[in-house]
Amino acid sequence: MATFEELKTLILGKGKLAADKAKETAEMVNLKAKIAANKESMKKFYVEIGKKYFEAHKADLLSDYSEEMSKLKEFEEKNAELEKKLEDLKG
């Protein structure tokens, strides 16, 4: 049968192991949150780069992105029509 000291050592060891695991888990969660925040910031910059590229090259019909740029132009034109209708309704 285990003595009181052996039980105490066992319990303290398990407690330290649990505390270490909790710290490790908290650090992992913190790092994952930072990574997610960085990825979100990166998405914003990708969008800005895309907008700037589109504005600089929207007349370039031979671009590698000509199909996508054509679709964006269509959306711009549709939005312009819708905005005009909206203004007309406002009076």
Protein backbone atom coordinates (compact mmCIF):
# COMPACT_ATOMS: atom_id res chain seq x y z
CA MET A 1 0.00 0.00 0.00
CA ALA A 2 1.26 3.47 -0.89
CA THR A 3 2.32 5.72 1.89
CA PHE A 4 1.00 9.19 2.43
CA GLU A 5 4.20 10.71 1.01
CA GLU A 6 3.95 8.57 -2.13
CA LEU A 7 0.33 9.62 -2.62
CA LYS A 8 1.23 13.24 -2.03
CA THR A 9 4.06 13.03 -4.59
CA LEU A 10 1.79 11.30 -7.08
CA ILE A 11 -0.98 13.87 -6.67
CA LEU A 12 1.44 16.82 -6.88
CA GLY A 13 3.03 15.32 -9.98
CA LYS A 14 -0.33 14.88 -11.67
CA GLY A 15 -1.34 18.41 -10.65
CA LYS A 16 1.85 19.85 -12.15
CA LEU A 17 1.29 17.82 -15.31
CA ALA A 18 -2.29 19.12 -15.57
CA ALA A 19 -1.15 22.72 -14.98
CA ASP A 20 1.58 22.38 -17.60
CA LYS A 21 -0.93 20.94 -20.07
CA ALA A 22 -3.36 23.81 -19.33
CA LYS A 23 -0.59 26.38 -19.96
CA GLU A 24 0.37 24.63 -23.19
CA THR A 25 -3.26 24.54 -24.34
CA ALA A 26 -3.74 28.22 -23.49
CA GLU A 27 -0.58 29.11 -25.41
CA MET A 28 -1.78 27.07 -28.41
CA VAL A 29 -5.16 28.83 -28.36
CA ASN A 30 -3.41 32.20 -28.12
CA LEU A 31 -1.11 31.38 -31.05
CA LYS A 32 -4.02 30.11 -33.15
CA ALA A 33 -5.92 33.34 -32.46
CA LYS A 34 -2.91 35.41 -33.52
CA ILE A 35 -2.54 33.34 -36.69
CA ALA A 36 -6.25 33.80 -37.49
CA ALA A 37 -5.97 37.56 -36.92
CA ASN A 38 -2.93 37.75 -39.18
CA LYS A 39 -4.73 35.78 -41.90
CA GLU A 40 -7.70 38.15 -41.66
CA SER A 41 -5.36 41.13 -42.03
CA MET A 42 -3.73 39.42 -45.01
CA LYS A 43 -7.14 38.97 -46.65
CA LYS A 44 -7.75 42.71 -46.37
CA PHE A 45 -4.44 43.45 -48.07
CA TYR A 46 -5.18 40.88 -50.81
CA VAL A 47 -8.46 42.66 -51.45
CA GLU A 48 -6.70 46.03 -51.62
CA ILE A 49 -4.07 44.64 -53.99
CA GLY A 50 -6.82 43.16 -56.14
CA LYS A 51 -8.71 46.45 -56.26
CA LYS A 52 -5.59 48.38 -57.22
CA TYR A 53 -4.64 45.82 -59.86
CA PHE A 54 -8.15 45.88 -61.28
CA GLU A 55 -8.20 49.67 -61.48
CA ALA A 56 -4.79 49.73 -63.13
CA HIS A 57 -5.55 46.96 -65.65
CA LYS A 58 -9.28 46.94 -66.29
CA ALA A 59 -8.75 47.99 -69.91
CA ASP A 60 -6.25 45.17 -70.49
CA LEU A 61 -8.30 42.52 -72.27
CA LEU A 62 -5.35 40.14 -72.64
CA SER A 63 -4.65 39.87 -68.93
CA ASP A 64 -4.38 36.49 -67.22
CA TYR A 65 -7.41 37.66 -65.27
CA SER A 66 -9.44 39.00 -68.19
CA GLU A 67 -12.44 36.76 -67.45
CA GLU A 68 -12.60 37.81 -63.80
CA MET A 69 -12.02 41.44 -64.71
CA SER A 70 -14.80 41.26 -67.28
CA LYS A 71 -17.16 39.96 -64.59
CA LEU A 72 -16.13 42.78 -62.26
CA LYS A 73 -16.83 45.30 -65.03
CA GLU A 74 -20.29 43.76 -65.48
CA PHE A 75 -20.98 44.15 -61.76
CA GLU A 76 -19.76 47.75 -61.85
CA GLU A 77 -22.12 48.48 -64.74
CA LYS A 78 -25.06 46.75 -63.01
CA ASN A 79 -24.37 48.67 -59.82
CA ALA A 80 -24.26 51.93 -61.76
CA GLU A 81 -27.66 51.11 -63.29
CA LEU A 82 -29.11 50.18 -59.90
CA GLU A 83 -27.72 53.33 -58.29
CA LYS A 84 -29.28 55.43 -61.05
CA LYS A 85 -32.66 53.74 -60.47
CA LEU A 86 -32.29 54.35 -56.76
CA GLU A 87 -31.56 58.05 -57.37
CA ASP A 88 -34.55 58.25 -59.73
CA LEU A 89 -36.80 56.80 -57.02
CA LYS A 90 -35.50 59.28 -54.48
CA GLY A 91 -36.52 62.05 -56.85
